[in-house]
Amino acid sequence: MMALFRDRLKSRGARGIIGLQRTFKIMDDDSSRSLSLYEFTKACRDYKIGIADEHMHTLFKAFDRNNDGVINFDEFLRSIRDELPKARMELIKQAFQKLDRD
């Protein structure tokens, strides 16, 4: 379900952090900086994600990493972004090692 969600957002132009942030703001109807289950379900319908209503709660819970009943942008971003390729992760680790004084 998560892969389908990612692919549908990408096909609608939500690429990169700025695109995902814009998409998140559009989904956030009440400007609370978080998505309720209702807002998330409505957005999935609006974006024609193609996930049946009976699976919506399961997908919502996958996004709601801290189990507080809403999805904030950080949770949204972490769920949507693909895993970093191994080579890129190694480069990040090397940069961190150089910058980390302790």
PDB file of N, CA and C in Angstrom:
ATOM      1  N   MET A   1       0.822  -1.196   0.000  1.00  0.00           N
ATOM      2  CA  MET A   1       0.000   0.000   0.000  1.00  0.00           C
ATOM      3  C   MET A   1       0.867   1.262   0.000  1.00  0.00           C
ATOM      4  N   MET A   2       1.955   1.226   0.762  1.00  0.00           N
ATOM      5  CA  MET A   2       2.823   2.401   0.848  1.00  0.00           C
ATOM      6  C   MET A   2       3.445   2.703  -0.512  1.00  0.00           C
ATOM      7  N   ALA A   3       3.866   1.670  -1.230  1.00  0.00           N
ATOM      8  CA  ALA A   3       4.468   1.876  -2.552  1.00  0.00           C
ATOM      9  C   ALA A   3       3.452   2.490  -3.510  1.00  0.00           C
ATOM     10  N   LEU A   4       2.228   2.032  -3.454  1.00  0.00           N
ATOM     11  CA  LEU A   4       1.171   2.590  -4.290  1.00  0.00           C
ATOM     12  C   LEU A   4       0.956   4.064  -3.953  1.00  0.00           C
ATOM     13  N   PHE A   5       0.915   4.376  -2.677  1.00  0.00           N
ATOM     14  CA  PHE A   5       0.736   5.751  -2.234  1.00  0.00           C
ATOM     15  C   PHE A   5       1.875   6.632  -2.768  1.00  0.00           C
ATOM     16  N   ARG A   6       3.110   6.173  -2.614  1.00  0.00           N
ATOM     17  CA  ARG A   6       4.282   6.922  -3.107  1.00  0.00           C
ATOM     18  C   ARG A   6       4.192   7.170  -4.608  1.00  0.00           C
ATOM     19  N   ASP A   7       3.881   6.114  -5.337  1.00  0.00           N
ATOM     20  CA  ASP A   7       3.823   6.224  -6.796  1.00  0.00           C
ATOM     21  C   ASP A   7       2.741   7.200  -7.248  1.00  0.00           C
ATOM     22  N   ARG A   8       1.602   7.177  -6.591  1.00  0.00           N
ATOM     23  CA  ARG A   8       0.516   8.086  -6.974  1.00  0.00           C
ATOM     24  C   ARG A   8       0.887   9.537  -6.681  1.00  0.00           C
ATOM     25  N   LEU A   9       1.512   9.780  -5.559  1.00  0.00           N
ATOM     26  CA  LEU A   9       1.935  11.150  -5.245  1.00  0.00           C
ATOM     27  C   LEU A   9       2.978  11.634  -6.245  1.00  0.00           C
ATOM     28  N   LYS A  10       3.922  10.774  -6.571  1.00  0.00           N
ATOM     29  CA  LYS A  10       4.958  11.147  -7.544  1.00  0.00           C
ATOM     30  C   LYS A  10       4.341  11.441  -8.904  1.00  0.00           C
ATOM     31  N   SER A  11       3.353  10.657  -9.295  1.00  0.00           N
ATOM     32  CA  SER A  11       2.729  10.863 -10.598  1.00  0.00           C
ATOM     33  C   SER A  11       1.958  12.177 -10.652  1.00  0.00           C
ATOM     34  N   ARG A  12       1.611  12.707  -9.485  1.00  0.00           N
ATOM     35  CA  ARG A  12       0.891  13.986  -9.424  1.00  0.00           C
ATOM     36  C   ARG A  12       1.840  15.150  -9.151  1.00  0.00           C
ATOM     37  N   GLY A  13       3.128  14.908  -9.278  1.00  0.00           N
ATOM     38  CA  GLY A  13       4.096  15.989  -9.176  1.00  0.00           C
ATOM     39  C   GLY A  13       4.683  16.218  -7.806  1.00  0.00           C
ATOM     40  N   ALA A  14       4.378  15.383  -6.841  1.00  0.00           N
ATOM     41  CA  ALA A  14       4.899  15.564  -5.479  1.00  0.00           C
ATOM     42  C   ALA A  14       6.257  14.880  -5.370  1.00  0.00           C
ATOM     43  N   ARG A  15       7.283  15.569  -5.858  1.00  0.00           N
ATOM     44  CA  ARG A  15       8.641  15.040  -5.797  1.00  0.00           C
ATOM     45  C   ARG A  15       9.483  15.982  -4.959  1.00  0.00           C
ATOM     46  N   GLY A  16      10.413  15.431  -4.243  1.00  0.00           N
ATOM     47  CA  GLY A  16      11.280  16.251  -3.413  1.00  0.00           C
ATOM     48  C   GLY A  16      10.555  16.782  -2.195  1.00  0.00           C
ATOM     49  N   ILE A  17      11.310  17.355  -1.298  1.00  0.00           N
ATOM     50  CA  ILE A  17      10.750  17.825  -0.032  1.00  0.00           C
ATOM     51  C   ILE A  17       9.753  18.965  -0.252  1.00  0.00           C
ATOM     52  N   ILE A  18      10.075  19.898  -1.148  1.00  0.00           N
ATOM     53  CA  ILE A  18       9.180  21.032  -1.390  1.00  0.00           C
ATOM     54  C   ILE A  18       7.841  20.555  -1.945  1.00  0.00           C
ATOM     55  N   GLY A  19       7.881  19.636  -2.899  1.00  0.00           N
ATOM     56  CA  GLY A  19       6.646  19.101  -3.468  1.00  0.00           C
ATOM     57  C   GLY A  19       5.816  18.353  -2.448  1.00  0.00           C
ATOM     58  N   LEU A  20       6.491  17.579  -1.598  1.00  0.00           N
ATOM     59  CA  LEU A  20       5.771  16.840  -0.557  1.00  0.00           C
ATOM     60  C   LEU A  20       5.198  17.788   0.486  1.00  0.00           C
ATOM     61  N   GLN A  21       5.935  18.851   0.795  1.00  0.00           N
ATOM     62  CA  GLN A  21       5.437  19.827   1.760  1.00  0.00           C
ATOM     63  C   GLN A  21       4.189  20.523   1.214  1.00  0.00           C
ATOM     64  N   ARG A  22       4.209  20.865  -0.055  1.00  0.00           N
ATOM     65  CA  ARG A  22       3.046  21.497  -0.687  1.00  0.00           C
ATOM     66  C   ARG A  22       1.845  20.546  -0.662  1.00  0.00           C
ATOM     67  N   THR A  23       2.099  19.293  -0.982  1.00  0.00           N
ATOM     68  CA  THR A  23       1.034  18.288  -0.964  1.00  0.00           C
ATOM     69  C   THR A  23       0.457  18.131   0.443  1.00  0.00           C
ATOM     70  N   PHE A  24       1.326  18.085   1.439  1.00  0.00           N
ATOM     71  CA  PHE A  24       0.887  17.948   2.824  1.00  0.00           C
ATOM     72  C   PHE A  24      -0.002  19.128   3.218  1.00  0.00           C
ATOM     73  N   LYS A  25       0.408  20.355   2.847  1.00  0.00           N
ATOM     74  CA  LYS A  25      -0.392  21.543   3.174  1.00  0.00           C
ATOM     75  C   LYS A  25      -1.768  21.477   2.537  1.00  0.00           C
ATOM     76  N   ILE A  26      -1.829  20.985   1.313  1.00  0.00           N
ATOM     77  CA  ILE A  26      -3.120  20.847   0.635  1.00  0.00           C
ATOM     78  C   ILE A  26      -3.997  19.842   1.367  1.00  0.00           C
ATOM     79  N   MET A  27      -3.418  18.767   1.841  1.00  0.00           N
ATOM     80  CA  MET A  27      -4.171  17.739   2.570  1.00  0.00           C
ATOM     81  C   MET A  27      -4.674  18.240   3.925  1.00  0.00           C
ATOM     82  N   ASP A  28      -3.931  19.153   4.531  1.00  0.00           N
ATOM     83  CA  ASP A  28      -4.225  19.648   5.879  1.00  0.00           C
ATOM     84  C   ASP A  28      -5.324  20.708   5.827  1.00  0.00           C
ATOM     85  N   ASP A  29      -6.570  20.258   5.762  1.00  0.00           N
ATOM     86  CA  ASP A  29      -7.720  21.154   5.588  1.00  0.00           C
ATOM     87  C   ASP A  29      -7.880  22.179   6.704  1.00  0.00           C
ATOM     88  N   ASP A  30      -7.569  21.805   7.940  1.00  0.00           N
ATOM     89  CA  ASP A  30      -7.798  22.713   9.063  1.00  0.00           C
ATOM     90  C   ASP A  30      -6.549  23.486   9.485  1.00  0.00           C
ATOM     91  N   SER A  31      -5.488  23.382   8.688  1.00  0.00           N
ATOM     92  CA  SER A  31      -4.217  24.090   8.941  1.00  0.00           C
ATOM     93  C   SER A  31      -3.637  23.816  10.330  1.00  0.00           C
ATOM     94  N   SER A  32      -3.806  22.607  10.801  1.00  0.00           N
ATOM     95  CA  SER A  32      -3.307  22.222  12.125  1.00  0.00           C
ATOM     96  C   SER A  32      -1.867  21.721  12.071  1.00  0.00           C
ATOM     97  N   ARG A  33      -1.311  21.645  10.890  1.00  0.00           N
ATOM     98  CA  ARG A  33       0.033  21.114  10.661  1.00  0.00           C
ATOM     99  C   ARG A  33       0.126  19.623  10.959  1.00  0.00           C
ATOM    100  N   SER A  34      -1.017  18.975  10.911  1.00  0.00           N
ATOM    101  CA  SER A  34      -1.081  17.525  11.057  1.00  0.00           C
ATOM    102  C   SER A  34      -2.318  17.035  10.313  1.00  0.00           C
ATOM    103  N   LEU A  35      -2.329  15.757   9.996  1.00  0.00           N
ATOM    104  CA  LEU A  35      -3.459  15.166   9.292  1.00  0.00           C
ATOM    105  C   LEU A  35      -4.207  14.211  10.215  1.00  0.00           C
ATOM    106  N   SER A  36      -5.497  14.425  10.320  1.00  0.00           N
ATOM    107  CA  SER A  36      -6.353  13.479  11.031  1.00  0.00           C
ATOM    108  C   SER A  36      -6.672  12.329  10.082  1.00  0.00           C
ATOM    109  N   LEU A  37      -7.262  11.280  10.604  1.00  0.00           N
ATOM    110  CA  LEU A  37      -7.663  10.159   9.755  1.00  0.00           C
ATOM    111  C   LEU A  37      -8.636  10.653   8.685  1.00  0.00           C
ATOM    112  N   TYR A  38      -9.540  11.546   9.061  1.00  0.00           N
ATOM    113  CA  TYR A  38     -10.513  12.087   8.102  1.00  0.00           C
ATOM    114  C   TYR A  38      -9.802  12.825   6.969  1.00  0.00           C
ATOM    115  N   GLU A  39      -8.866  13.722   7.310  1.00  0.00           N
ATOM    116  CA  GLU A  39      -8.137  14.483   6.289  1.00  0.00           C
ATOM    117  C   GLU A  39      -7.320  13.553   5.395  1.00  0.00           C
ATOM    118  N   PHE A  40      -6.685  12.575   5.995  1.00  0.00           N
ATOM    119  CA  PHE A  40      -5.864  11.628   5.255  1.00  0.00           C
ATOM    120  C   PHE A  40      -6.718  10.823   4.283  1.00  0.00           C
ATOM    121  N   THR A  41      -7.852  10.326   4.749  1.00  0.00           N
ATOM    122  CA  THR A  41      -8.761   9.548   3.904  1.00  0.00           C
ATOM    123  C   THR A  41      -9.284  10.399   2.759  1.00  0.00           C
ATOM    124  N   LYS A  42      -9.684  11.626   3.072  1.00  0.00           N
ATOM    125  CA  LYS A  42     -10.192  12.552   2.048  1.00  0.00           C
ATOM    126  C   LYS A  42      -9.115  12.826   1.004  1.00  0.00           C
ATOM    127  N   ALA A  43      -7.889  13.055   1.458  1.00  0.00           N
ATOM    128  CA  ALA A  43      -6.782  13.330   0.537  1.00  0.00           C
ATOM    129  C   ALA A  43      -6.513  12.119  -0.365  1.00  0.00           C
ATOM    130  N   CYS A  44      -6.578  10.928   0.192  1.00  0.00           N
ATOM    131  CA  CYS A  44      -6.356   9.727  -0.611  1.00  0.00           C
ATOM    132  C   CYS A  44      -7.416   9.599  -1.696  1.00  0.00           C
ATOM    133  N   ARG A  45      -8.635   9.963  -1.378  1.00  0.00           N
ATOM    134  CA  ARG A  45      -9.695   9.954  -2.394  1.00  0.00           C
ATOM    135  C   ARG A  45      -9.441  11.042  -3.433  1.00  0.00           C
ATOM    136  N   ASP A  46      -9.115  12.252  -2.970  1.00  0.00           N
ATOM    137  CA  ASP A  46      -8.866  13.377  -3.883  1.00  0.00           C
ATOM    138  C   ASP A  46      -7.714  13.086  -4.838  1.00  0.00           C
ATOM    139  N   TYR A  47      -6.669  12.452  -4.328  1.00  0.00           N
ATOM    140  CA  TYR A  47      -5.499  12.131  -5.142  1.00  0.00           C
ATOM    141  C   TYR A  47      -5.662  10.822  -5.904  1.00  0.00           C
ATOM    142  N   LYS A  48      -6.829  10.198  -5.753  1.00  0.00           N
ATOM    143  CA  LYS A  48      -7.125   8.938  -6.443  1.00  0.00           C
ATOM    144  C   LYS A  48      -6.005   7.909  -6.239  1.00  0.00           C
ATOM    145  N   ILE A  49      -5.679   7.719  -4.953  1.00  0.00           N
ATOM    146  CA  ILE A  49      -4.608   6.792  -4.593  1.00  0.00           C
ATOM    147  C   ILE A  49      -4.991   5.355  -4.934  1.00  0.00           C
ATOM    148  N   GLY A  50      -6.267   5.030  -4.838  1.00  0.00           N
ATOM    149  CA  GLY A  50      -6.715   3.698  -5.226  1.00  0.00           C
ATOM    150  C   GLY A  50      -6.649   2.676  -4.112  1.00  0.00           C
ATOM    151  N   ILE A  51      -6.720   3.133  -2.876  1.00  0.00           N
ATOM    152  CA  ILE A  51      -6.705   2.222  -1.734  1.00  0.00           C
ATOM    153  C   ILE A  51      -8.118   2.183  -1.160  1.00  0.00           C
ATOM    154  N   ALA A  52      -8.618   0.986  -0.977  1.00  0.00           N
ATOM    155  CA  ALA A  52      -9.986   0.815  -0.482  1.00  0.00           C
ATOM    156  C   ALA A  52     -10.134   1.396   0.917  1.00  0.00           C
ATOM    157  N   ASP A  53     -11.321   1.903   1.209  1.00  0.00           N
ATOM    158  CA  ASP A  53     -11.596   2.527   2.502  1.00  0.00           C
ATOM    159  C   ASP A  53     -11.297   1.611   3.682  1.00  0.00           C
ATOM    160  N   GLU A  54     -11.524   0.309   3.501  1.00  0.00           N
ATOM    161  CA  GLU A  54     -11.286  -0.607   4.623  1.00  0.00           C
ATOM    162  C   GLU A  54      -9.794  -0.753   4.949  1.00  0.00           C
ATOM    163  N   HIS A  55      -8.918  -0.332   4.061  1.00  0.00           N
ATOM    164  CA  HIS A  55      -7.476  -0.389   4.308  1.00  0.00           C
ATOM    165  C   HIS A  55      -6.896   0.958   4.746  1.00  0.00           C
ATOM    166  N   MET A  56      -7.729   1.984   4.735  1.00  0.00           N
ATOM    167  CA  MET A  56      -7.252   3.327   5.021  1.00  0.00           C
ATOM    168  C   MET A  56      -6.702   3.462   6.442  1.00  0.00           C
ATOM    169  N   HIS A  57      -7.357   2.854   7.419  1.00  0.00           N
ATOM    170  CA  HIS A  57      -6.910   2.935   8.805  1.00  0.00           C
ATOM    171  C   HIS A  57      -5.537   2.278   8.963  1.00  0.00           C
ATOM    172  N   THR A  58      -5.321   1.161   8.288  1.00  0.00           N
ATOM    173  CA  THR A  58      -4.027   0.472   8.353  1.00  0.00           C
ATOM    174  C   THR A  58      -2.923   1.343   7.765  1.00  0.00           C
ATOM    175  N   LEU A  59      -3.191   1.972   6.631  1.00  0.00           N
ATOM    176  CA  LEU A  59      -2.209   2.857   6.015  1.00  0.00           C
ATOM    177  C   LEU A  59      -1.947   4.071   6.908  1.00  0.00           C
ATOM    178  N   PHE A  60      -3.005   4.627   7.485  1.00  0.00           N
ATOM    179  CA  PHE A  60      -2.863   5.770   8.384  1.00  0.00           C
ATOM    180  C   PHE A  60      -1.948   5.411   9.553  1.00  0.00           C
ATOM    181  N   LYS A  61      -2.152   4.241  10.136  1.00  0.00           N
ATOM    182  CA  LYS A  61      -1.325   3.811  11.266  1.00  0.00           C
ATOM    183  C   LYS A  61       0.133   3.629  10.859  1.00  0.00           C
ATOM    184  N   ALA A  62       0.382   3.229   9.613  1.00  0.00           N
ATOM    185  CA  ALA A  62       1.755   3.092   9.131  1.00  0.00           C
ATOM    186  C   ALA A  62       2.439   4.457   9.065  1.00  0.00           C
ATOM    187  N   PHE A  63       1.687   5.501   8.746  1.00  0.00           N
ATOM    188  CA  PHE A  63       2.224   6.858   8.713  1.00  0.00           C
ATOM    189  C   PHE A  63       2.388   7.433  10.119  1.00  0.00           C
ATOM    190  N   ASP A  64       1.461   7.134  11.005  1.00  0.00           N
ATOM    191  CA  ASP A  64       1.449   7.695  12.368  1.00  0.00           C
ATOM    192  C   ASP A  64       2.453   6.942  13.236  1.00  0.00           C
ATOM    193  N   ARG A  65       3.712   7.273  13.082  1.00  0.00           N
ATOM    194  CA  ARG A  65       4.796   6.529  13.722  1.00  0.00           C
ATOM    195  C   ARG A  65       4.817   6.658  15.245  1.00  0.00           C
ATOM    196  N   ASN A  66       4.348   7.781  15.798  1.00  0.00           N
ATOM    197  CA  ASN A  66       4.374   7.940  17.251  1.00  0.00           C
ATOM    198  C   ASN A  66       3.020   7.607  17.887  1.00  0.00           C
ATOM    199  N   ASN A  67       2.080   7.127  17.099  1.00  0.00           N
ATOM    200  CA  ASN A  67       0.763   6.673  17.572  1.00  0.00           C
ATOM    201  C   ASN A  67      -0.005   7.727  18.358  1.00  0.00           C
ATOM    202  N   ASP A  68       0.083   8.996  17.925  1.00  0.00           N
ATOM    203  CA  ASP A  68      -0.673  10.044  18.619  1.00  0.00           C
ATOM    204  C   ASP A  68      -2.007  10.355  17.946  1.00  0.00           C
ATOM    205  N   GLY A  69      -2.357   9.603  16.907  1.00  0.00           N
ATOM    206  CA  GLY A  69      -3.659   9.771  16.261  1.00  0.00           C
ATOM    207  C   GLY A  69      -3.672  10.792  15.135  1.00  0.00           C
ATOM    208  N   VAL A  70      -2.537  11.407  14.840  1.00  0.00           N
ATOM    209  CA  VAL A  70      -2.414  12.337  13.712  1.00  0.00           C
ATOM    210  C   VAL A  70      -1.077  12.090  13.022  1.00  0.00           C
ATOM    211  N   ILE A  71      -0.978  12.563  11.795  1.00  0.00           N
ATOM    212  CA  ILE A  71       0.270  12.452  11.035  1.00  0.00           C
ATOM    213  C   ILE A  71       0.849  13.849  10.892  1.00  0.00           C
ATOM    214  N   ASN A  72       2.029  14.075  11.468  1.00  0.00           N
ATOM    215  CA  ASN A  72       2.672  15.376  11.267  1.00  0.00           C
ATOM    216  C   ASN A  72       3.554  15.283  10.024  1.00  0.00           C
ATOM    217  N   PHE A  73       4.109  16.427   9.606  1.00  0.00           N
ATOM    218  CA  PHE A  73       4.866  16.440   8.356  1.00  0.00           C
ATOM    219  C   PHE A  73       6.092  15.536   8.422  1.00  0.00           C
ATOM    220  N   ASP A  74       6.769  15.499   9.553  1.00  0.00           N
ATOM    221  CA  ASP A  74       7.946  14.652   9.689  1.00  0.00           C
ATOM    222  C   ASP A  74       7.583  13.182   9.484  1.00  0.00           C
ATOM    223  N   GLU A  75       6.494  12.748  10.086  1.00  0.00           N
ATOM    224  CA  GLU A  75       6.037  11.366   9.921  1.00  0.00           C
ATOM    225  C   GLU A  75       5.675  11.105   8.452  1.00  0.00           C
ATOM    226  N   PHE A  76       4.994  12.072   7.851  1.00  0.00           N
ATOM    227  CA  PHE A  76       4.599  11.966   6.452  1.00  0.00           C
ATOM    228  C   PHE A  76       5.832  11.822   5.566  1.00  0.00           C
ATOM    229  N   LEU A  77       6.801  12.687   5.777  1.00  0.00           N
ATOM    230  CA  LEU A  77       8.012  12.693   4.972  1.00  0.00           C
ATOM    231  C   LEU A  77       8.803  11.402   5.137  1.00  0.00           C
ATOM    232  N   ARG A  78       8.962  10.951   6.368  1.00  0.00           N
ATOM    233  CA  ARG A  78       9.710   9.713   6.619  1.00  0.00           C
ATOM    234  C   ARG A  78       9.025   8.500   5.998  1.00  0.00           C
ATOM    235  N   SER A  79       7.710   8.529   5.940  1.00  0.00           N
ATOM    236  CA  SER A  79       6.971   7.404   5.360  1.00  0.00           C
ATOM    237  C   SER A  79       7.020   7.418   3.841  1.00  0.00           C
ATOM    238  N   ILE A  80       7.005   8.594   3.246  1.00  0.00           N
ATOM    239  CA  ILE A  80       6.959   8.722   1.791  1.00  0.00           C
ATOM    240  C   ILE A  80       8.315   8.511   1.142  1.00  0.00           C
ATOM    241  N   ARG A  81       9.352   9.053   1.753  1.00  0.00           N
ATOM    242  CA  ARG A  81      10.669   8.986   1.125  1.00  0.00           C
ATOM    243  C   ARG A  81      11.151   7.560   1.021  1.00  0.00           C
ATOM    244  N   ASP A  82      11.758   7.269  -0.108  1.00  0.00           N
ATOM    245  CA  ASP A  82      12.350   5.946  -0.308  1.00  0.00           C
ATOM    246  C   ASP A  82      13.606   5.828   0.537  1.00  0.00           C
ATOM    247  N   GLU A  83      14.038   4.610   0.763  1.00  0.00           N
ATOM    248  CA  GLU A  83      15.284   4.377   1.484  1.00  0.00           C
ATOM    249  C   GLU A  83      16.446   4.921   0.654  1.00  0.00           C
ATOM    250  N   LEU A  84      17.447   5.440   1.332  1.00  0.00           N
ATOM    251  CA  LEU A  84      18.631   5.935   0.634  1.00  0.00           C
ATOM    252  C   LEU A  84      19.426   4.761   0.076  1.00  0.00           C
ATOM    253  N   PRO A  85      19.981   4.943  -1.124  1.00  0.00           N
ATOM    254  CA  PRO A  85      20.860   3.892  -1.646  1.00  0.00           C
ATOM    255  C   PRO A  85      22.061   3.698  -0.714  1.00  0.00           C
ATOM    256  N   LYS A  86      22.592   2.493  -0.697  1.00  0.00           N
ATOM    257  CA  LYS A  86      23.686   2.154   0.207  1.00  0.00           C
ATOM    258  C   LYS A  86      24.885   3.086   0.026  1.00  0.00           C
ATOM    259  N   ALA A  87      25.245   3.389  -1.218  1.00  0.00           N
ATOM    260  CA  ALA A  87      26.401   4.257  -1.489  1.00  0.00           C
ATOM    261  C   ALA A  87      26.183   5.659  -0.924  1.00  0.00           C
ATOM    262  N   ARG A  88      24.970   6.167  -1.045  1.00  0.00           N
ATOM    263  CA  ARG A  88      24.685   7.510  -0.517  1.00  0.00           C
ATOM    264  C   ARG A  88      24.729   7.517   1.008  1.00  0.00           C
ATOM    265  N   MET A  89      24.210   6.473   1.617  1.00  0.00           N
ATOM    266  CA  MET A  89      24.233   6.369   3.074  1.00  0.00           C
ATOM    267  C   MET A  89      25.674   6.315   3.578  1.00  0.00           C
ATOM    268  N   GLU A  90      26.529   5.600   2.887  1.00  0.00           N
ATOM    269  CA  GLU A  90      27.939   5.531   3.273  1.00  0.00           C
ATOM    270  C   GLU A  90      28.602   6.905   3.176  1.00  0.00           C
ATOM    271  N   LEU A  91      28.271   7.654   2.133  1.00  0.00           N
ATOM    272  CA  LEU A  91      28.803   8.996   1.965  1.00  0.00           C
ATOM    273  C   LEU A  91      28.352   9.911   3.106  1.00  0.00           C
ATOM    274  N   ILE A  92      27.115   9.799   3.499  1.00  0.00           N
ATOM    275  CA  ILE A  92      26.583  10.581   4.620  1.00  0.00           C
ATOM    276  C   ILE A  92      27.308  10.216   5.910  1.00  0.00           C
ATOM    277  N   LYS A  93      27.525   8.933   6.127  1.00  0.00           N
ATOM    278  CA  LYS A  93      28.233   8.488   7.335  1.00  0.00           C
ATOM    279  C   LYS A  93      29.662   9.022   7.359  1.00  0.00           C
ATOM    280  N   GLN A  94      30.325   8.995   6.215  1.00  0.00           N
ATOM    281  CA  GLN A  94      31.690   9.517   6.142  1.00  0.00           C
ATOM    282  C   GLN A  94      31.724  11.013   6.439  1.00  0.00           C
ATOM    283  N   ALA A  95      30.787  11.753   5.879  1.00  0.00           N
ATOM    284  CA  ALA A  95      30.718  13.203   6.137  1.00  0.00           C
ATOM    285  C   ALA A  95      30.464  13.465   7.612  1.00  0.00           C
ATOM    286  N   PHE A  96      29.583  12.693   8.224  1.00  0.00           N
ATOM    287  CA  PHE A  96      29.284  12.856   9.640  1.00  0.00           C
ATOM    288  C   PHE A  96      30.528  12.585  10.488  1.00  0.00           C
ATOM    289  N   GLN A  97      31.251  11.535  10.154  1.00  0.00           N
ATOM    290  CA  GLN A  97      32.466  11.190  10.897  1.00  0.00           C
ATOM    291  C   GLN A  97      33.484  12.329  10.855  1.00  0.00           C
ATOM    292  N   LYS A  98      33.596  12.983   9.710  1.00  0.00           N
ATOM    293  CA  LYS A  98      34.536  14.103   9.581  1.00  0.00           C
ATOM    294  C   LYS A  98      34.083  15.315  10.397  1.00  0.00           C
ATOM    295  N   LEU A  99      32.770  15.545  10.440  1.00  0.00           N
ATOM    296  CA  LEU A  99      32.240  16.720  11.113  1.00  0.00           C
ATOM    297  C   LEU A  99      32.078  16.528  12.614  1.00  0.00           C
ATOM    298  N   ASP A 100      31.888  15.303  13.042  1.00  0.00           N
ATOM    299  CA  ASP A 100      31.630  15.000  14.449  1.00  0.00           C
ATOM    300  C   ASP A 100      32.925  15.068  15.251  1.00  0.00           C
ATOM    301  N   ARG A 101      32.994  16.027  16.151  1.00  0.00           N
ATOM    302  CA  ARG A 101      34.218  16.221  16.946  1.00  0.00           C
ATOM    303  C   ARG A 101      34.314  15.256  18.128  1.00  0.00           C
ATOM    304  N   ASP A 102      33.192  14.793  18.611  1.00  0.00           N
ATOM    305  CA  ASP A 102      33.245  13.871  19.761  1.00  0.00           C
ATOM    306  C   ASP A 102      32.534  12.597  19.396  1.00  0.00           C
TER     307      ASP A 102
END
